[in-house]
Amino acid sequence: MPLLCVSKLTVHYGGYLALRDVSIEVRQGEIVCVMGANGSGKSTLLNAISGLVEGQGGVVLEGRSLQGIPTHERLALGLAHVLERRRLFPYLTVLENLQLGAYLPTLRGARAQALERVESLFPILRERRHQLAQSLSGGEQQQVAIARAMMGNPRFLMLDEPFLGLSPYMVEEISLVIRAVNQEGVTVLFNEQSVQLSLGLSHRGYILESGRLALSGTSAGLLADPRLHEIYMGLSYA
């Protein structure tokens, strides 16, 4: 059984059809990417999985339907979501932002152990503990955002545009972070526009076009598929 199973998911924003009959699976231990041009539905898919937007269709995590479960309760089920542009509290310190990731009553007693774990994954954050989040570089802020999600001890982590606006050096750093998190046993689903970057990091990929699933397969298979270039000439291959 897949860790996550999304079946025939359809999402409307008023009269606008954002997703239509999209089905994906993510298996335990994988890194899976969702690609597509701006407006293809990448963020909407992640938002629907975490319950930030409503949709019609099935979303099942570890065999349990998420239908009717509010977003804040999905964290307790092992699902964490790092939103686009990080959404940190800029005037709180790094440490305070991280502690907020363990806000659930069931997690508070293990905050110290969780903090030790994430600071071993993100050593720079130990050095930046008492700095305001707004004073960090974009790449460091992205690490704080991922670490804050990891404070909730998730089994399934979703990242919305984790490389947006980062320098090539920080893109590589965040890629290493994602691999390290995955090696810790966390399954990862992320979205991104860059084909080479996404498929170089992931095991499998899904490609959306105008809210519909256009292609899917292993990363190696997609890179060799001529349809990828035919359908998505607008995507970045850098």
C-alpha atoms as a PDB file:
ATOM      1  CA  MET A   1       0.000   0.000   0.000  1.00  0.00           C
ATOM      2  CA  PRO A   2       1.391   3.471  -0.888  1.00  0.00           C
ATOM      3  CA  LEU A   3       2.109   5.853   1.983  1.00  0.00           C
ATOM      4  CA  LEU A   4       0.047   8.498   0.142  1.00  0.00           C
ATOM      5  CA  CYS A   5      -2.627   7.818  -2.448  1.00  0.00           C
ATOM      6  CA  VAL A   6      -4.407  10.680  -4.221  1.00  0.00           C
ATOM      7  CA  SER A   7      -7.191   9.544  -6.536  1.00  0.00           C
ATOM      8  CA  LYS A   8      -9.141  11.595  -9.074  1.00  0.00           C
ATOM      9  CA  LEU A   9      -8.594  14.867  -7.207  1.00  0.00           C
ATOM     10  CA  THR A  10     -10.448  17.867  -8.639  1.00  0.00           C
ATOM     11  CA  VAL A  11     -10.158  21.404  -7.234  1.00  0.00           C
ATOM     12  CA  HIS A  12     -12.026  24.557  -8.284  1.00  0.00           C
ATOM     13  CA  TYR A  13     -11.314  28.154  -7.284  1.00  0.00           C
ATOM     14  CA  GLY A  14     -14.699  29.685  -7.984  1.00  0.00           C
ATOM     15  CA  GLY A  15     -15.208  29.121 -11.697  1.00  0.00           C
ATOM     16  CA  TYR A  16     -11.540  28.277 -12.326  1.00  0.00           C
ATOM     17  CA  LEU A  17     -10.580  24.599 -12.623  1.00  0.00           C
ATOM     18  CA  ALA A  18      -7.196  24.226 -10.903  1.00  0.00           C
ATOM     19  CA  LEU A  19      -6.944  20.407 -10.864  1.00  0.00           C
ATOM     20  CA  ARG A  20      -8.915  17.816 -12.786  1.00  0.00           C
ATOM     21  CA  ASP A  21      -8.945  14.094 -11.943  1.00  0.00           C
ATOM     22  CA  VAL A  22      -5.323  14.014 -10.743  1.00  0.00           C
ATOM     23  CA  SER A  23      -4.106  10.745  -9.246  1.00  0.00           C
ATOM     24  CA  ILE A  24      -0.651  10.180  -7.720  1.00  0.00           C
ATOM     25  CA  GLU A  25       0.995   7.723  -5.347  1.00  0.00           C
ATOM     26  CA  VAL A  26       3.993   8.147  -3.067  1.00  0.00           C
ATOM     27  CA  ARG A  27       5.594   5.054  -1.555  1.00  0.00           C
ATOM     28  CA  GLN A  28       7.362   4.802   1.773  1.00  0.00           C
ATOM     29  CA  GLY A  29      10.954   6.079   1.610  1.00  0.00           C
ATOM     30  CA  GLU A  30      10.654   7.832  -1.754  1.00  0.00           C
ATOM     31  CA  ILE A  31      11.468  11.344  -2.874  1.00  0.00           C
ATOM     32  CA  VAL A  32       8.842  12.281  -5.464  1.00  0.00           C
ATOM     33  CA  CYS A  33       8.617  15.512  -7.434  1.00  0.00           C
ATOM     34  CA  VAL A  34       5.667  17.275  -9.052  1.00  0.00           C
ATOM     35  CA  MET A  35       6.625  19.479 -12.005  1.00  0.00           C
ATOM     36  CA  GLY A  36       4.792  21.876 -14.248  1.00  0.00           C
ATOM     37  CA  ALA A  37       4.736  25.453 -15.466  1.00  0.00           C
ATOM     38  CA  ASN A  38       3.274  28.282 -13.392  1.00  0.00           C
ATOM     39  CA  GLY A  39      -0.457  27.745 -13.030  1.00  0.00           C
ATOM     40  CA  SER A  40      -0.282  24.019 -13.742  1.00  0.00           C
ATOM     41  CA  GLY A  41      -1.670  23.117 -10.293  1.00  0.00           C
ATOM     42  CA  LYS A  42       1.487  22.053  -8.433  1.00  0.00           C
ATOM     43  CA  SER A  43       0.853  24.092  -5.277  1.00  0.00           C
ATOM     44  CA  THR A  44      -2.871  23.368  -5.389  1.00  0.00           C
ATOM     45  CA  LEU A  45      -2.128  19.640  -5.292  1.00  0.00           C
ATOM     46  CA  LEU A  46       0.013  19.977  -2.157  1.00  0.00           C
ATOM     47  CA  ASN A  47      -2.488  22.357  -0.549  1.00  0.00           C
ATOM     48  CA  ALA A  48      -5.317  19.894  -1.154  1.00  0.00           C
ATOM     49  CA  ILE A  49      -3.312  17.062   0.397  1.00  0.00           C
ATOM     50  CA  SER A  50      -2.718  19.108   3.552  1.00  0.00           C
ATOM     51  CA  GLY A  51      -6.311  20.376   3.632  1.00  0.00           C
ATOM     52  CA  LEU A  52      -5.628  24.040   2.919  1.00  0.00           C
ATOM     53  CA  VAL A  53      -8.004  23.910  -0.041  1.00  0.00           C
ATOM     54  CA  GLU A  54     -11.041  21.713  -0.557  1.00  0.00           C
ATOM     55  CA  GLY A  55     -11.312  19.282  -3.416  1.00  0.00           C
ATOM     56  CA  GLN A  56     -13.336  16.375  -4.686  1.00  0.00           C
ATOM     57  CA  GLY A  57     -11.626  13.010  -4.793  1.00  0.00           C
ATOM     58  CA  GLY A  58      -9.665  10.789  -2.458  1.00  0.00           C
ATOM     59  CA  VAL A  59      -6.627  11.602  -0.315  1.00  0.00           C
ATOM     60  CA  VAL A  60      -5.465   8.626   1.759  1.00  0.00           C
ATOM     61  CA  LEU A  61      -2.429   8.633   4.078  1.00  0.00           C
ATOM     62  CA  GLU A  62      -1.211   5.270   5.395  1.00  0.00           C
ATOM     63  CA  GLY A  63      -4.539   3.706   4.555  1.00  0.00           C
ATOM     64  CA  ARG A  64      -6.602   6.414   6.302  1.00  0.00           C
ATOM     65  CA  SER A  65      -8.801   8.838   4.414  1.00  0.00           C
ATOM     66  CA  LEU A  66      -8.085  12.491   5.181  1.00  0.00           C
ATOM     67  CA  GLN A  67     -11.605  13.488   4.186  1.00  0.00           C
ATOM     68  CA  GLY A  68     -12.971  15.937   6.762  1.00  0.00           C
ATOM     69  CA  ILE A  69      -9.750  16.077   8.826  1.00  0.00           C
ATOM     70  CA  PRO A  70      -8.655  19.725   9.321  1.00  0.00           C
ATOM     71  CA  THR A  71      -5.145  20.810   8.429  1.00  0.00           C
ATOM     72  CA  HIS A  72      -3.877  21.209  11.996  1.00  0.00           C
ATOM     73  CA  GLU A  73      -4.906  17.639  12.846  1.00  0.00           C
ATOM     74  CA  ARG A  74      -3.106  16.152   9.842  1.00  0.00           C
ATOM     75  CA  LEU A  75       0.235  16.949  11.491  1.00  0.00           C
ATOM     76  CA  ALA A  76      -0.648  14.508  14.267  1.00  0.00           C
ATOM     77  CA  LEU A  77      -1.091  11.869  11.539  1.00  0.00           C
ATOM     78  CA  GLY A  78       2.499  12.362  10.368  1.00  0.00           C
ATOM     79  CA  LEU A  79       1.955  14.884   7.554  1.00  0.00           C
ATOM     80  CA  ALA A  80       3.973  18.129   7.427  1.00  0.00           C
ATOM     81  CA  HIS A  81       3.838  20.856   4.772  1.00  0.00           C
ATOM     82  CA  VAL A  82       6.442  23.578   4.176  1.00  0.00           C
ATOM     83  CA  LEU A  83       4.678  26.332   2.266  1.00  0.00           C
ATOM     84  CA  GLU A  84       6.088  28.367  -0.593  1.00  0.00           C
ATOM     85  CA  ARG A  85       8.280  31.298   0.523  1.00  0.00           C
ATOM     86  CA  ARG A  86       8.883  29.618   3.886  1.00  0.00           C
ATOM     87  CA  ARG A  87       6.350  31.645   5.991  1.00  0.00           C
ATOM     88  CA  LEU A  88       8.588  32.087   9.037  1.00  0.00           C
ATOM     89  CA  PHE A  89       7.845  34.461  11.896  1.00  0.00           C
ATOM     90  CA  PRO A  90      10.416  37.139  10.987  1.00  0.00           C
ATOM     91  CA  TYR A  91      10.669  38.809  14.403  1.00  0.00           C
ATOM     92  CA  LEU A  92      11.060  35.558  16.327  1.00  0.00           C
ATOM     93  CA  THR A  93      14.432  33.879  16.729  1.00  0.00           C
ATOM     94  CA  VAL A  94      15.433  30.730  14.919  1.00  0.00           C
ATOM     95  CA  LEU A  95      14.951  28.774  18.146  1.00  0.00           C
ATOM     96  CA  GLU A  96      11.471  30.201  18.698  1.00  0.00           C
ATOM     97  CA  ASN A  97      10.454  29.358  15.142  1.00  0.00           C
ATOM     98  CA  LEU A  98      11.698  25.800  15.599  1.00  0.00           C
ATOM     99  CA  GLN A  99       9.892  25.346  18.912  1.00  0.00           C
ATOM    100  CA  LEU A 100       6.619  26.313  17.238  1.00  0.00           C
ATOM    101  CA  GLY A 101       6.996  23.251  15.039  1.00  0.00           C
ATOM    102  CA  ALA A 102       6.337  21.093  18.101  1.00  0.00           C
ATOM    103  CA  TYR A 103       3.207  22.932  19.218  1.00  0.00           C
ATOM    104  CA  LEU A 104       0.977  19.858  19.485  1.00  0.00           C
ATOM    105  CA  PRO A 105       0.479  18.760  23.118  1.00  0.00           C
ATOM    106  CA  THR A 106       1.729  15.270  22.247  1.00  0.00           C
ATOM    107  CA  LEU A 107       5.008  16.728  20.948  1.00  0.00           C
ATOM    108  CA  ARG A 108       5.870  19.275  23.630  1.00  0.00           C
ATOM    109  CA  GLY A 109       7.430  16.776  26.019  1.00  0.00           C
ATOM    110  CA  ALA A 110       9.899  15.686  23.333  1.00  0.00           C
ATOM    111  CA  ARG A 111      10.913  19.171  22.150  1.00  0.00           C
ATOM    112  CA  ALA A 112      14.476  18.873  23.449  1.00  0.00           C
ATOM    113  CA  GLN A 113      15.067  15.588  21.637  1.00  0.00           C
ATOM    114  CA  ALA A 114      13.449  16.932  18.457  1.00  0.00           C
ATOM    115  CA  LEU A 115      15.601  20.063  18.602  1.00  0.00           C
ATOM    116  CA  GLU A 116      18.735  17.978  19.009  1.00  0.00           C
ATOM    117  CA  ARG A 117      17.719  15.918  15.993  1.00  0.00           C
ATOM    118  CA  VAL A 118      17.027  18.841  13.671  1.00  0.00           C
ATOM    119  CA  GLU A 119      20.169  20.693  14.717  1.00  0.00           C
ATOM    120  CA  SER A 120      22.184  17.601  13.848  1.00  0.00           C
ATOM    121  CA  LEU A 121      20.572  17.694  10.399  1.00  0.00           C
ATOM    122  CA  PHE A 122      20.994  21.476  10.082  1.00  0.00           C
ATOM    123  CA  PRO A 123      24.205  22.395  11.994  1.00  0.00           C
ATOM    124  CA  ILE A 124      24.078  26.037  10.865  1.00  0.00           C
ATOM    125  CA  LEU A 125      20.845  26.507  12.821  1.00  0.00           C
ATOM    126  CA  ARG A 126      22.594  25.750  16.111  1.00  0.00           C
ATOM    127  CA  GLU A 127      24.900  28.681  15.384  1.00  0.00           C
ATOM    128  CA  ARG A 128      21.946  30.882  14.412  1.00  0.00           C
ATOM    129  CA  ARG A 129      19.689  29.917  17.354  1.00  0.00           C
ATOM    130  CA  HIS A 130      19.331  33.413  18.772  1.00  0.00           C
ATOM    131  CA  GLN A 131      19.205  35.371  15.512  1.00  0.00           C
ATOM    132  CA  LEU A 132      15.936  36.771  14.244  1.00  0.00           C
ATOM    133  CA  ALA A 133      14.602  34.765  11.323  1.00  0.00           C
ATOM    134  CA  GLN A 134      14.470  37.871   9.133  1.00  0.00           C
ATOM    135  CA  SER A 135      18.245  38.305   9.472  1.00  0.00           C
ATOM    136  CA  LEU A 136      19.034  35.003   7.763  1.00  0.00           C
ATOM    137  CA  SER A 137      19.811  34.417   4.108  1.00  0.00           C
ATOM    138  CA  GLY A 138      17.131  32.880   1.911  1.00  0.00           C
ATOM    139  CA  GLY A 139      18.800  29.477   2.035  1.00  0.00           C
ATOM    140  CA  GLU A 140      19.124  29.580   5.810  1.00  0.00           C
ATOM    141  CA  GLN A 141      15.464  30.571   6.125  1.00  0.00           C
ATOM    142  CA  GLN A 142      14.522  27.590   3.971  1.00  0.00           C
ATOM    143  CA  GLN A 143      16.494  25.344   6.310  1.00  0.00           C
ATOM    144  CA  VAL A 144      14.612  26.815   9.282  1.00  0.00           C
ATOM    145  CA  ALA A 145      11.297  26.156   7.535  1.00  0.00           C
ATOM    146  CA  ILE A 146      12.184  22.521   6.831  1.00  0.00           C
ATOM    147  CA  ALA A 147      13.610  22.061  10.337  1.00  0.00           C
ATOM    148  CA  ARG A 148      10.454  23.547  11.886  1.00  0.00           C
ATOM    149  CA  ALA A 149       8.393  20.975   9.984  1.00  0.00           C
ATOM    150  CA  MET A 150      10.742  18.226  11.168  1.00  0.00           C
ATOM    151  CA  MET A 151      10.121  19.280  14.782  1.00  0.00           C
ATOM    152  CA  GLY A 152       6.683  17.700  14.346  1.00  0.00           C
ATOM    153  CA  ASN A 153       8.342  14.304  13.740  1.00  0.00           C
ATOM    154  CA  PRO A 154       6.577  13.739  10.390  1.00  0.00           C
ATOM    155  CA  ARG A 155       6.700  10.558   8.356  1.00  0.00           C
ATOM    156  CA  PHE A 156       5.630  12.402   5.213  1.00  0.00           C
ATOM    157  CA  LEU A 157       7.023  15.846   4.320  1.00  0.00           C
ATOM    158  CA  MET A 158       5.767  18.108   1.515  1.00  0.00           C
ATOM    159  CA  LEU A 159       7.843  21.037   0.241  1.00  0.00           C
ATOM    160  CA  ASP A 160       6.318  23.754  -1.948  1.00  0.00           C
ATOM    161  CA  GLU A 161       8.958  25.322  -4.238  1.00  0.00           C
ATOM    162  CA  PRO A 162      11.871  24.716  -1.818  1.00  0.00           C
ATOM    163  CA  PHE A 163      14.431  26.198  -4.235  1.00  0.00           C
ATOM    164  CA  LEU A 164      12.557  29.372  -5.127  1.00  0.00           C
ATOM    165  CA  GLY A 165      14.839  32.414  -5.246  1.00  0.00           C
ATOM    166  CA  LEU A 166      17.948  30.602  -3.993  1.00  0.00           C
ATOM    167  CA  SER A 167      21.489  30.891  -5.331  1.00  0.00           C
ATOM    168  CA  PRO A 168      23.025  27.834  -7.065  1.00  0.00           C
ATOM    169  CA  TYR A 169      25.116  27.186  -3.947  1.00  0.00           C
ATOM    170  CA  MET A 170      22.065  27.202  -1.670  1.00  0.00           C
ATOM    171  CA  VAL A 171      20.108  25.054  -4.134  1.00  0.00           C
ATOM    172  CA  GLU A 172      22.793  22.412  -3.670  1.00  0.00           C
ATOM    173  CA  GLU A 173      22.684  22.864   0.119  1.00  0.00           C
ATOM    174  CA  ILE A 174      18.907  22.425   0.258  1.00  0.00           C
ATOM    175  CA  SER A 175      19.160  19.390  -2.033  1.00  0.00           C
ATOM    176  CA  LEU A 176      21.579  17.836   0.464  1.00  0.00           C
ATOM    177  CA  VAL A 177      19.177  18.685   3.287  1.00  0.00           C
ATOM    178  CA  ILE A 178      16.283  16.955   1.489  1.00  0.00           C
ATOM    179  CA  ARG A 179      18.399  13.854   0.917  1.00  0.00           C
ATOM    180  CA  ALA A 180      19.462  13.851   4.578  1.00  0.00           C
ATOM    181  CA  VAL A 181      15.849  14.131   5.744  1.00  0.00           C
ATOM    182  CA  ASN A 182      14.889  11.264   3.439  1.00  0.00           C
ATOM    183  CA  GLN A 183      17.744   9.141   4.770  1.00  0.00           C
ATOM    184  CA  GLU A 184      16.309   9.738   8.247  1.00  0.00           C
ATOM    185  CA  GLY A 185      13.267   7.764   7.086  1.00  0.00           C
ATOM    186  CA  VAL A 186      10.997  10.636   6.012  1.00  0.00           C
ATOM    187  CA  THR A 187       9.153  10.296   2.705  1.00  0.00           C
ATOM    188  CA  VAL A 188       9.282  13.537   0.658  1.00  0.00           C
ATOM    189  CA  LEU A 189       7.000  15.087  -1.959  1.00  0.00           C
ATOM    190  CA  PHE A 190       8.064  18.431  -3.459  1.00  0.00           C
ATOM    191  CA  ASN A 191       7.196  20.610  -6.419  1.00  0.00           C
ATOM    192  CA  GLU A 192       9.533  22.537  -8.681  1.00  0.00           C
ATOM    193  CA  GLN A 193       9.792  23.912 -12.218  1.00  0.00           C
ATOM    194  CA  SER A 194      13.361  22.926 -13.075  1.00  0.00           C
ATOM    195  CA  VAL A 195      13.299  19.513 -14.751  1.00  0.00           C
ATOM    196  CA  GLN A 196      16.962  18.613 -14.271  1.00  0.00           C
ATOM    197  CA  LEU A 197      16.976  19.701 -10.640  1.00  0.00           C
ATOM    198  CA  SER A 198      13.740  17.887  -9.792  1.00  0.00           C
ATOM    199  CA  LEU A 199      14.522  14.611 -11.522  1.00  0.00           C
ATOM    200  CA  GLY A 200      18.136  14.648 -10.337  1.00  0.00           C
ATOM    201  CA  LEU A 201      16.912  14.707  -6.730  1.00  0.00           C
ATOM    202  CA  SER A 202      13.847  12.468  -6.878  1.00  0.00           C
ATOM    203  CA  HIS A 203      13.128   8.798  -7.471  1.00  0.00           C
ATOM    204  CA  ARG A 204       9.963   9.420  -9.475  1.00  0.00           C
ATOM    205  CA  GLY A 205       8.073  12.361 -10.924  1.00  0.00           C
ATOM    206  CA  TYR A 206       4.661  13.595 -12.003  1.00  0.00           C
ATOM    207  CA  ILE A 207       4.152  16.344 -14.565  1.00  0.00           C
ATOM    208  CA  LEU A 208       1.070  18.540 -14.559  1.00  0.00           C
ATOM    209  CA  GLU A 209      -0.236  20.520 -17.511  1.00  0.00           C
ATOM    210  CA  SER A 210      -3.118  22.961 -17.009  1.00  0.00           C
ATOM    211  CA  GLY A 211      -4.338  21.079 -13.954  1.00  0.00           C
ATOM    212  CA  ARG A 212      -4.148  17.599 -15.489  1.00  0.00           C
ATOM    213  CA  LEU A 213      -1.633  14.821 -15.113  1.00  0.00           C
ATOM    214  CA  ALA A 214       0.353  14.679 -18.343  1.00  0.00           C
ATOM    215  CA  LEU A 215       3.249  12.306 -17.619  1.00  0.00           C
ATOM    216  CA  SER A 216       4.589  10.189 -14.783  1.00  0.00           C
ATOM    217  CA  GLY A 217       7.382   7.716 -14.275  1.00  0.00           C
ATOM    218  CA  THR A 218      10.806   7.138 -12.812  1.00  0.00           C
ATOM    219  CA  SER A 219      13.164  10.091 -12.937  1.00  0.00           C
ATOM    220  CA  ALA A 220      15.480   8.348 -15.398  1.00  0.00           C
ATOM    221  CA  GLY A 221      12.550   7.360 -17.567  1.00  0.00           C
ATOM    222  CA  LEU A 222      11.123  10.863 -17.678  1.00  0.00           C
ATOM    223  CA  LEU A 223      14.469  12.415 -18.551  1.00  0.00           C
ATOM    224  CA  ALA A 224      14.689  10.068 -21.538  1.00  0.00           C
ATOM    225  CA  ASP A 225      11.076  10.589 -22.622  1.00  0.00           C
ATOM    226  CA  PRO A 226      10.801  12.905 -25.672  1.00  0.00           C
ATOM    227  CA  ARG A 227       7.247  13.802 -24.637  1.00  0.00           C
ATOM    228  CA  LEU A 228       8.684  15.715 -21.682  1.00  0.00           C
ATOM    229  CA  HIS A 229      10.274  18.215 -24.040  1.00  0.00           C
ATOM    230  CA  GLU A 230       7.305  18.288 -26.393  1.00  0.00           C
ATOM    231  CA  ILE A 231       4.772  19.033 -23.672  1.00  0.00           C
ATOM    232  CA  TYR A 232       6.821  21.344 -21.479  1.00  0.00           C
ATOM    233  CA  MET A 233       8.954  23.550 -23.665  1.00  0.00           C
ATOM    234  CA  GLY A 234       8.142  26.325 -21.191  1.00  0.00           C
ATOM    235  CA  LEU A 235       9.815  24.561 -18.282  1.00  0.00           C
ATOM    236  CA  SER A 236      13.365  25.345 -17.211  1.00  0.00           C
ATOM    237  CA  TYR A 237      15.889  22.589 -17.942  1.00  0.00           C
ATOM    238  CA  ALA A 238      18.719  24.317 -16.090  1.00  0.00           C
END
